[in-house]
Amino acid sequence: MARVRPASPIGAPVTWHYLCHQTEIDENEPREFAVDGRVVALFFDGQQHYAIDGMCAHQGGPLALGTRNGLCVTCPWHGWQYDISNGHNLLTGKQMLDCFPLEIREGQLWVELPESPQT
């Protein structure tokens, strides 16, 4: 079940999507979700949850299968590294991945994503 909000700060409509119950996310095991045509990687550092684009900006490697050290995730394909709190590539310092707002509602994790453009 999704809840629609009129628009994001950049003007695109956004929708909240249910991911899973917060107890299903382990600190040492990120999860990957396919949501509305987008891959989302969900991480938990023991205190906070993070949702980012699930595919590496380099060649689309699955970031949920990468290794994590603190807030850094390393792509399993070619070693590109990102800060899961802001989507920045650690080599360039530039934001290369989208990060998505999360809410916990009665133990359930919800992610806010821009709506997919209609084709």
C-alpha atoms as a PDB file:
ATOM      1  CA  MET A   1       0.000   0.000   0.000  1.00  0.00           C
ATOM      2  CA  ALA A   2       1.423   3.356  -0.967  1.00  0.00           C
ATOM      3  CA  ARG A   3       0.551   6.855   0.201  1.00  0.00           C
ATOM      4  CA  VAL A   4       0.964   9.705  -2.279  1.00  0.00           C
ATOM      5  CA  ARG A   5       2.098  13.206  -1.367  1.00  0.00           C
ATOM      6  CA  PRO A   6       1.647  16.026  -3.889  1.00  0.00           C
ATOM      7  CA  ALA A   7       5.277  16.840  -4.663  1.00  0.00           C
ATOM      8  CA  SER A   8       8.860  16.677  -3.513  1.00  0.00           C
ATOM      9  CA  PRO A   9      10.940  19.843  -3.076  1.00  0.00           C
ATOM     10  CA  ILE A  10      11.954  19.553  -6.735  1.00  0.00           C
ATOM     11  CA  GLY A  11       8.332  19.315  -7.841  1.00  0.00           C
ATOM     12  CA  ALA A  12       8.057  15.608  -8.642  1.00  0.00           C
ATOM     13  CA  PRO A  13       5.190  13.720  -6.985  1.00  0.00           C
ATOM     14  CA  VAL A  14       6.354  11.300  -4.295  1.00  0.00           C
ATOM     15  CA  THR A  15       4.898   8.124  -2.834  1.00  0.00           C
ATOM     16  CA  TRP A  16       5.578   6.233   0.389  1.00  0.00           C
ATOM     17  CA  HIS A  17       6.163   2.490  -0.093  1.00  0.00           C
ATOM     18  CA  TYR A  18       6.190  -0.250   2.541  1.00  0.00           C
ATOM     19  CA  LEU A  19       9.489  -2.174   2.621  1.00  0.00           C
ATOM     20  CA  CYS A  20       9.439  -4.561   5.585  1.00  0.00           C
ATOM     21  CA  HIS A  21       9.209  -4.778   9.364  1.00  0.00           C
ATOM     22  CA  GLN A  22      12.196  -3.185  11.083  1.00  0.00           C
ATOM     23  CA  THR A  23      13.034  -6.478  12.829  1.00  0.00           C
ATOM     24  CA  GLU A  24      13.729  -8.012   9.391  1.00  0.00           C
ATOM     25  CA  ILE A  25      16.795  -5.785   8.917  1.00  0.00           C
ATOM     26  CA  ASP A  26      19.997  -6.992  10.543  1.00  0.00           C
ATOM     27  CA  GLU A  27      22.951  -4.680  11.135  1.00  0.00           C
ATOM     28  CA  ASN A  28      25.248  -7.003   9.194  1.00  0.00           C
ATOM     29  CA  GLU A  29      22.922  -7.886   6.316  1.00  0.00           C
ATOM     30  CA  PRO A  30      21.690  -5.105   4.021  1.00  0.00           C
ATOM     31  CA  ARG A  31      18.555  -5.820   2.009  1.00  0.00           C
ATOM     32  CA  GLU A  32      17.615  -5.050  -1.562  1.00  0.00           C
ATOM     33  CA  PHE A  33      14.074  -4.165  -2.610  1.00  0.00           C
ATOM     34  CA  ALA A  34      12.500  -3.647  -6.020  1.00  0.00           C
ATOM     35  CA  VAL A  35      10.095  -0.742  -5.582  1.00  0.00           C
ATOM     36  CA  ASP A  36       8.129   0.879  -8.391  1.00  0.00           C
ATOM     37  CA  GLY A  37      10.743  -0.003 -11.017  1.00  0.00           C
ATOM     38  CA  ARG A  38      13.668   1.115  -8.848  1.00  0.00           C
ATOM     39  CA  VAL A  39      16.219  -0.904  -6.836  1.00  0.00           C
ATOM     40  CA  VAL A  40      16.578   0.330  -3.250  1.00  0.00           C
ATOM     41  CA  ALA A  41      19.314  -0.853  -0.872  1.00  0.00           C
ATOM     42  CA  LEU A  42      18.410  -0.694   2.814  1.00  0.00           C
ATOM     43  CA  PHE A  43      21.126  -0.564   5.473  1.00  0.00           C
ATOM     44  CA  PHE A  44      21.008  -0.518   9.284  1.00  0.00           C
ATOM     45  CA  ASP A  45      23.980   0.606  11.381  1.00  0.00           C
ATOM     46  CA  GLY A  46      22.543  -0.540  14.709  1.00  0.00           C
ATOM     47  CA  GLN A  47      20.840   2.786  15.365  1.00  0.00           C
ATOM     48  CA  GLN A  48      19.636   4.250  12.081  1.00  0.00           C
ATOM     49  CA  HIS A  49      18.277   2.918   8.791  1.00  0.00           C
ATOM     50  CA  TYR A  50      19.466   4.226   5.409  1.00  0.00           C
ATOM     51  CA  ALA A  51      17.876   3.806   1.967  1.00  0.00           C
ATOM     52  CA  ILE A  52      19.891   4.556  -1.179  1.00  0.00           C
ATOM     53  CA  ASP A  53      19.902   3.657  -4.859  1.00  0.00           C
ATOM     54  CA  GLY A  54      20.638  -0.050  -4.871  1.00  0.00           C
ATOM     55  CA  MET A  55      22.759  -0.051  -8.016  1.00  0.00           C
ATOM     56  CA  CYS A  56      26.311   1.266  -8.221  1.00  0.00           C
ATOM     57  CA  ALA A  57      26.661   4.354 -10.420  1.00  0.00           C
ATOM     58  CA  HIS A  58      29.685   2.771 -12.132  1.00  0.00           C
ATOM     59  CA  GLN A  59      28.240  -0.353 -13.759  1.00  0.00           C
ATOM     60  CA  GLY A  60      25.098  -1.197 -11.805  1.00  0.00           C
ATOM     61  CA  GLY A  61      26.588  -3.556  -9.228  1.00  0.00           C
ATOM     62  CA  PRO A  62      24.226  -4.630  -6.407  1.00  0.00           C
ATOM     63  CA  LEU A  63      25.199  -2.471  -3.422  1.00  0.00           C
ATOM     64  CA  ALA A  64      23.208  -4.560  -0.936  1.00  0.00           C
ATOM     65  CA  LEU A  65      25.692  -7.364  -1.686  1.00  0.00           C
ATOM     66  CA  GLY A  66      28.677  -5.092  -1.077  1.00  0.00           C
ATOM     67  CA  THR A  67      30.723  -4.886   2.094  1.00  0.00           C
ATOM     68  CA  ARG A  68      29.957  -2.190   4.640  1.00  0.00           C
ATOM     69  CA  ASN A  69      32.365  -0.567   7.066  1.00  0.00           C
ATOM     70  CA  GLY A  70      30.624   2.070   9.155  1.00  0.00           C
ATOM     71  CA  LEU A  71      28.753   4.340   6.737  1.00  0.00           C
ATOM     72  CA  CYS A  72      30.816   3.183   3.742  1.00  0.00           C
ATOM     73  CA  VAL A  73      29.533   0.529   1.340  1.00  0.00           C
ATOM     74  CA  THR A  74      31.862  -0.962  -1.277  1.00  0.00           C
ATOM     75  CA  CYS A  75      30.405  -2.244  -4.536  1.00  0.00           C
ATOM     76  CA  PRO A  76      31.130  -5.974  -4.935  1.00  0.00           C
ATOM     77  CA  TRP A  77      31.893  -5.637  -8.653  1.00  0.00           C
ATOM     78  CA  HIS A  78      34.617  -3.000  -8.950  1.00  0.00           C
ATOM     79  CA  GLY A  79      35.183  -1.546  -5.502  1.00  0.00           C
ATOM     80  CA  TRP A  80      33.489   1.835  -5.856  1.00  0.00           C
ATOM     81  CA  GLN A  81      32.696   3.204  -2.397  1.00  0.00           C
ATOM     82  CA  TYR A  82      29.773   5.316  -1.218  1.00  0.00           C
ATOM     83  CA  ASP A  83      28.633   6.980   1.983  1.00  0.00           C
ATOM     84  CA  ILE A  84      25.218   5.448   2.711  1.00  0.00           C
ATOM     85  CA  SER A  85      24.114   8.552   4.629  1.00  0.00           C
ATOM     86  CA  ASN A  86      24.359  10.928   1.662  1.00  0.00           C
ATOM     87  CA  GLY A  87      25.112   8.941  -1.535  1.00  0.00           C
ATOM     88  CA  HIS A  88      28.525  10.552  -2.046  1.00  0.00           C
ATOM     89  CA  ASN A  89      31.259   8.644  -3.835  1.00  0.00           C
ATOM     90  CA  LEU A  90      34.193   8.492  -1.424  1.00  0.00           C
ATOM     91  CA  LEU A  91      36.810   9.034  -4.137  1.00  0.00           C
ATOM     92  CA  THR A  92      35.273  12.099  -5.797  1.00  0.00           C
ATOM     93  CA  GLY A  93      33.221  13.478  -2.896  1.00  0.00           C
ATOM     94  CA  LYS A  94      30.332  14.013  -5.318  1.00  0.00           C
ATOM     95  CA  GLN A  95      26.818  12.744  -4.741  1.00  0.00           C
ATOM     96  CA  MET A  96      26.329   9.884  -7.167  1.00  0.00           C
ATOM     97  CA  LEU A  97      23.449   7.969  -5.582  1.00  0.00           C
ATOM     98  CA  ASP A  98      20.030   9.138  -4.472  1.00  0.00           C
ATOM     99  CA  CYS A  99      19.177   8.752  -0.799  1.00  0.00           C
ATOM    100  CA  PHE A 100      15.559   8.306   0.221  1.00  0.00           C
ATOM    101  CA  PRO A 101      13.654   9.381   3.339  1.00  0.00           C
ATOM    102  CA  LEU A 102      12.526   6.570   5.637  1.00  0.00           C
ATOM    103  CA  GLU A 103       9.816   6.432   8.275  1.00  0.00           C
ATOM    104  CA  ILE A 104       9.101   3.801  10.892  1.00  0.00           C
ATOM    105  CA  ARG A 105       5.371   3.378  11.462  1.00  0.00           C
ATOM    106  CA  GLU A 106       4.391   0.886  14.139  1.00  0.00           C
ATOM    107  CA  GLY A 107       7.581  -1.066  13.458  1.00  0.00           C
ATOM    108  CA  GLN A 108       7.180  -0.994   9.678  1.00  0.00           C
ATOM    109  CA  LEU A 109       9.771   0.647   7.420  1.00  0.00           C
ATOM    110  CA  TRP A 110       8.434   2.932   4.698  1.00  0.00           C
ATOM    111  CA  VAL A 111      10.517   4.653   2.006  1.00  0.00           C
ATOM    112  CA  GLU A 112       9.577   7.817   0.107  1.00  0.00           C
ATOM    113  CA  LEU A 113      10.358   7.659  -3.618  1.00  0.00           C
ATOM    114  CA  PRO A 114       9.670  10.015  -6.504  1.00  0.00           C
ATOM    115  CA  GLU A 115       6.952   8.614  -8.705  1.00  0.00           C
ATOM    116  CA  SER A 116       8.153   6.969 -11.898  1.00  0.00           C
ATOM    117  CA  PRO A 117       7.496   9.157 -14.935  1.00  0.00           C
ATOM    118  CA  GLN A 118       4.635   7.972 -17.076  1.00  0.00           C
ATOM    119  CA  THR A 119       5.719   6.779 -20.491  1.00  0.00           C
END
